[in-house]
Amino acid sequence: MQACLNGGRGPGDAAVVPMSPGALAEEAVRAVAAGAVDLHVHPKSPCGGDTLSPGVLADTLTAIREAVDVPVGVTTGAWAEPDPVRRVERVRSWTVLPDHASVNWHEAGAEEVAAALLDRGVGVEAGLWSGTDGPARFLRSPLGPYVLRVLAEVTDPDPATAESTARALLARLGASGSASTAGDAVRRAPVLLHGEDGGAWPVLRLAGRLGLATRIGLEDTLFLPDGRAARDNAALVRAALAEGAS
């Protein structure tokens, strides 16, 4: 169970979304106590935007690692640095390294960003979004055998259709319906399946039934399965485990 503590959200989405290194560290403690064994965070600039700044990344990772002893990953999303060349430069300038970082394979420069991360010994989570050409591009990638895991990201927010969208995405990846690894098409990389917003809980339940790893947190949803607003990431993690997630 991975906890995604903040994502691209901010206080305008919900006051409970952690922004600063200290707030992320506090959320990490609660999420890990609730059962999370891995973390994904978006380091924030002083103005609240996602950033790949080496200084902000160092402060964020240091604060979290002083608080908990689990792997910590970060985003490399293009919204944090739109220029692909600059994005690679940022990765190569990091002074404190995350355990892993997500790379969205549909974004320009994904291969170069992933290669830079691998060169530095950082695990790569291959973000393969539904509704994009990311899966097809990844299946052709020579870096496929070297990724830490595949993040099968279901971007369909409709609770009525998110599960079918998830199944279609898994089929595109050649993933088994009952095992925790993908088929030969993704070189048997472990798959973490998750949804977002209204699709978060249906996709999480599907991941549990299929025996796939999953994640939950304020990045993916602000609400518990019964529709109540989540108090924090820990509440979402506890609810996810109660729903049969792993």
Protein backbone atom coordinates (compact mmCIF):
# COMPACT_ATOMS: atom_id res chain seq x y z
CA MET A 1 0.00 0.00 0.00
CA GLN A 2 1.49 3.27 -1.17
CA ALA A 3 0.23 6.55 0.27
CA CYS A 4 0.18 9.50 -2.16
CA LEU A 5 0.17 12.37 0.32
CA ASN A 6 -0.60 15.50 -1.69
CA GLY A 7 -0.22 15.34 -5.47
CA GLY A 8 -0.97 18.46 -7.43
CA ARG A 9 -3.55 19.58 -4.90
CA GLY A 10 -3.26 22.52 -2.53
CA PRO A 11 -5.17 24.27 0.25
CA GLY A 12 -7.69 25.44 -2.32
CA ASP A 13 -8.77 21.81 -2.72
CA ALA A 14 -8.86 21.01 0.99
CA ALA A 15 -7.20 22.52 4.04
CA VAL A 16 -5.86 19.10 5.06
CA VAL A 17 -3.58 18.76 1.99
CA PRO A 18 0.05 18.88 3.25
CA MET A 19 2.30 21.36 1.48
CA SER A 20 5.47 22.06 3.48
CA PRO A 21 8.22 19.55 4.28
CA GLY A 22 7.14 19.55 7.92
CA ALA A 23 3.47 18.97 7.10
CA LEU A 24 4.40 16.16 4.71
CA ALA A 25 6.54 14.54 7.40
CA GLU A 26 3.66 14.67 9.87
CA GLU A 27 1.31 13.15 7.31
CA ALA A 28 3.89 10.48 6.54
CA VAL A 29 4.03 9.44 10.20
CA ARG A 30 0.27 9.06 10.37
CA ALA A 31 0.00 7.27 7.03
CA VAL A 32 2.73 4.76 7.89
CA ALA A 33 1.17 4.12 11.29
CA ALA A 34 -2.09 3.40 9.47
CA GLY A 35 -0.42 0.78 7.27
CA ALA A 36 1.29 2.48 4.32
CA VAL A 37 4.64 0.93 3.40
CA ASP A 38 5.66 3.34 0.64
CA LEU A 39 5.15 7.06 0.01
CA HIS A 40 4.70 9.28 -3.05
CA VAL A 41 4.91 13.05 -2.61
CA HIS A 42 4.98 16.23 -4.67
CA PRO A 43 7.51 18.70 -3.24
CA LYS A 44 6.07 22.22 -3.29
CA SER A 45 7.58 25.61 -4.06
CA PRO A 46 6.92 28.47 -1.62
CA CYS A 47 3.99 29.55 -3.82
CA GLY A 48 2.48 26.06 -3.63
CA GLY A 49 3.28 24.67 -7.07
CA ASP A 50 4.92 21.33 -7.77
CA THR A 51 8.65 21.70 -8.24
CA LEU A 52 11.73 19.65 -9.12
CA SER A 53 14.02 22.14 -7.36
CA PRO A 54 16.96 20.32 -5.74
CA GLY A 55 16.71 22.48 -2.62
CA VAL A 56 13.01 21.88 -2.09
CA LEU A 57 13.42 18.19 -2.88
CA ALA A 58 16.25 17.88 -0.35
CA ASP A 59 14.27 19.62 2.40
CA THR A 60 11.20 17.50 1.73
CA LEU A 61 12.97 14.15 1.58
CA THR A 62 15.10 14.91 4.62
CA ALA A 63 12.09 15.88 6.73
CA ILE A 64 10.16 12.76 5.75
CA ARG A 65 13.09 10.40 6.25
CA GLU A 66 13.76 11.82 9.70
CA ALA A 67 10.17 10.93 10.57
CA VAL A 68 9.63 7.50 8.94
CA ASP A 69 11.69 4.63 7.55
CA VAL A 70 9.90 3.65 4.32
CA PRO A 71 10.73 4.28 0.65
CA VAL A 72 9.84 7.78 -0.53
CA GLY A 73 9.17 8.72 -4.15
CA VAL A 74 8.48 11.97 -5.97
CA THR A 75 6.88 13.13 -9.19
CA THR A 76 8.71 14.23 -12.32
CA GLY A 77 5.49 15.40 -13.98
CA ALA A 78 5.85 17.81 -16.88
CA TRP A 79 3.67 20.35 -15.08
CA ALA A 80 6.50 20.77 -12.54
CA GLU A 81 8.98 21.54 -15.33
CA PRO A 82 7.48 21.77 -18.84
CA ASP A 83 10.81 21.88 -20.72
CA PRO A 84 12.01 18.26 -21.20
CA VAL A 85 15.66 19.27 -21.36
CA ARG A 86 15.36 21.34 -18.20
CA ARG A 87 13.55 18.46 -16.51
CA VAL A 88 16.51 16.16 -17.11
CA GLU A 89 18.87 18.87 -15.86
CA ARG A 90 16.83 19.16 -12.67
CA VAL A 91 17.02 15.41 -12.06
CA ARG A 92 20.78 15.45 -12.59
CA SER A 93 21.14 18.38 -10.15
CA TRP A 94 19.37 16.72 -7.21
CA THR A 95 21.60 16.60 -4.14
CA VAL A 96 19.35 14.31 -2.11
CA LEU A 97 17.85 11.43 -4.07
CA PRO A 98 14.41 9.86 -3.66
CA ASP A 99 14.08 6.09 -3.55
CA HIS A 100 11.95 6.23 -6.68
CA ALA A 101 10.30 8.75 -8.99
CA SER A 102 7.31 8.51 -11.29
CA VAL A 103 7.75 9.22 -15.00
CA ASN A 104 4.63 9.70 -17.11
CA TRP A 105 5.44 7.88 -20.33
CA HIS A 106 3.06 9.93 -22.48
CA GLU A 107 4.96 13.14 -21.71
CA ALA A 108 7.63 14.56 -24.00
CA GLY A 109 11.08 13.61 -22.72
CA ALA A 110 9.92 10.65 -20.64
CA GLU A 111 12.66 8.33 -21.91
CA GLU A 112 15.38 10.87 -21.17
CA VAL A 113 14.03 11.61 -17.68
CA ALA A 114 13.79 7.89 -16.89
CA ALA A 115 17.34 7.31 -18.17
CA ALA A 116 18.65 10.14 -16.00
CA LEU A 117 16.95 8.66 -12.94
CA LEU A 118 18.31 5.19 -13.65
CA ASP A 119 21.80 6.63 -14.16
CA ARG A 120 21.58 8.10 -10.66
CA GLY A 121 20.31 4.88 -9.09
CA VAL A 122 16.75 6.10 -8.57
CA GLY A 123 13.96 3.59 -9.15
CA VAL A 124 11.55 4.49 -11.94
CA GLU A 125 7.79 4.14 -11.62
CA ALA A 126 6.48 4.09 -15.20
CA GLY A 127 3.28 6.12 -15.12
CA LEU A 128 1.02 4.65 -17.82
CA TRP A 129 -2.19 6.66 -17.97
CA SER A 130 -5.42 5.44 -19.47
CA GLY A 131 -6.54 7.50 -22.43
CA THR A 132 -2.98 8.28 -23.57
CA ASP A 133 -0.35 6.74 -25.82
CA GLY A 134 1.85 6.12 -22.76
CA PRO A 135 1.24 2.36 -22.63
CA ALA A 136 2.09 1.89 -26.32
CA ARG A 137 5.22 4.02 -25.99
CA PHE A 138 6.32 2.10 -22.92
CA LEU A 139 5.83 -1.27 -24.61
CA ARG A 140 8.34 -0.15 -27.24
CA SER A 141 10.80 1.29 -24.73
CA PRO A 142 14.22 -0.31 -24.23
CA LEU A 143 14.01 0.91 -20.63
CA GLY A 144 11.06 -1.35 -19.86
CA PRO A 145 13.12 -4.12 -18.24
CA TYR A 146 14.72 -1.66 -15.83
CA VAL A 147 11.76 0.08 -14.21
CA LEU A 148 10.92 -0.51 -10.58
CA ARG A 149 7.21 -0.85 -11.25
CA VAL A 150 4.42 0.17 -13.58
CA LEU A 151 1.93 2.71 -12.26
CA ALA A 152 -1.25 1.84 -14.12
CA GLU A 153 -3.10 5.14 -13.69
CA VAL A 154 -6.81 5.14 -14.43
CA THR A 155 -7.74 8.73 -15.24
CA ASP A 156 -11.44 7.99 -15.68
CA PRO A 157 -13.13 9.77 -12.71
CA ASP A 158 -16.56 8.21 -13.29
CA PRO A 159 -17.31 5.57 -10.62
CA ALA A 160 -19.65 3.81 -13.06
CA THR A 161 -16.97 3.22 -15.72
CA ALA A 162 -13.60 3.42 -13.94
CA GLU A 163 -13.38 -0.33 -13.35
CA SER A 164 -13.95 -1.16 -17.01
CA THR A 165 -11.40 1.49 -17.98
CA ALA A 166 -8.94 -0.12 -15.56
CA ARG A 167 -9.50 -3.56 -17.05
CA ALA A 168 -8.95 -2.18 -20.54
CA LEU A 169 -5.70 -0.55 -19.43
CA LEU A 170 -4.46 -3.78 -17.86
CA ALA A 171 -5.33 -5.64 -21.05
CA ARG A 172 -3.27 -3.16 -23.07
CA LEU A 173 -0.34 -3.89 -20.78
CA GLY A 174 -0.73 -7.65 -21.10
CA ALA A 175 -1.24 -7.84 -17.34
CA SER A 176 -2.57 -11.00 -15.75
CA GLY A 177 -5.98 -10.78 -14.16
CA SER A 178 -4.93 -12.68 -11.07
CA ALA A 179 -1.25 -12.03 -10.48
CA SER A 180 0.78 -9.14 -9.15
CA THR A 181 3.01 -8.88 -12.21
CA ALA A 182 2.46 -7.84 -15.78
CA GLY A 183 2.92 -10.20 -18.67
CA ASP A 184 5.78 -10.32 -21.15
CA ALA A 185 4.59 -7.08 -22.75
CA VAL A 186 5.83 -5.09 -19.76
CA ARG A 187 8.75 -7.39 -19.00
CA ARG A 188 7.11 -8.65 -15.81
CA ALA A 189 7.44 -5.34 -14.00
CA PRO A 190 5.27 -5.23 -10.85
CA VAL A 191 2.02 -3.34 -11.44
CA LEU A 192 0.50 -0.79 -9.07
CA LEU A 193 -3.06 -0.02 -10.13
CA HIS A 194 -4.89 3.09 -8.94
CA GLY A 195 -7.63 5.53 -9.90
CA GLU A 196 -8.46 9.11 -9.14
CA ASP A 197 -11.35 11.18 -7.81
CA GLY A 198 -14.64 9.31 -8.37
CA GLY A 199 -12.78 6.34 -9.82
CA ALA A 200 -10.35 5.95 -6.93
CA TRP A 201 -12.36 3.53 -4.82
CA PRO A 202 -13.73 1.31 -7.62
CA VAL A 203 -10.23 0.90 -9.05
CA LEU A 204 -8.72 0.26 -5.62
CA ARG A 205 -11.27 -2.50 -4.98
CA LEU A 206 -10.44 -4.04 -8.37
CA ALA A 207 -6.73 -3.99 -7.52
CA GLY A 208 -7.52 -5.84 -4.30
CA ARG A 209 -9.52 -8.50 -6.13
CA LEU A 210 -6.75 -8.98 -8.69
CA GLY A 211 -3.98 -9.11 -6.10
CA LEU A 212 -2.30 -5.99 -7.47
CA ALA A 213 -0.52 -3.36 -5.43
CA THR A 214 -2.37 -0.07 -5.15
CA ARG A 215 -2.23 3.34 -3.55
CA ILE A 216 -4.47 5.88 -1.89
CA GLY A 217 -4.10 9.36 -0.49
CA LEU A 218 -5.20 12.94 -0.86
CA GLU A 219 -3.62 13.07 -4.31
CA ASP A 220 -6.11 10.52 -5.61
CA THR A 221 -9.22 11.37 -3.60
CA LEU A 222 -10.38 13.72 -0.86
CA PHE A 223 -13.22 11.44 0.18
CA LEU A 224 -13.73 8.19 2.06
CA PRO A 225 -15.73 5.37 0.45
CA ASP A 226 -18.92 6.56 2.17
CA GLY A 227 -18.55 10.04 0.69
CA ARG A 228 -17.35 11.81 3.83
CA ALA A 229 -14.37 14.13 3.51
CA ALA A 230 -11.15 12.45 4.63
CA ARG A 231 -9.56 13.98 7.70
CA ASP A 232 -6.07 13.04 6.52
CA ASN A 233 -4.12 10.49 4.52
CA ALA A 234 -4.15 8.03 7.39
CA ALA A 235 -7.94 7.87 7.28
CA LEU A 236 -7.76 7.01 3.58
CA VAL A 237 -5.11 4.32 4.17
CA ARG A 238 -7.19 2.70 6.91
CA ALA A 239 -10.25 2.75 4.69
CA ALA A 240 -8.30 1.27 1.78
CA LEU A 241 -7.03 -1.61 3.87
CA ALA A 242 -10.55 -2.24 5.13
CA GLU A 243 -11.66 -2.38 1.47
CA GLY A 244 -9.21 -5.23 0.85
CA ALA A 245 -6.38 -3.28 -0.76
CA SER A 246 -2.77 -4.47 -0.51
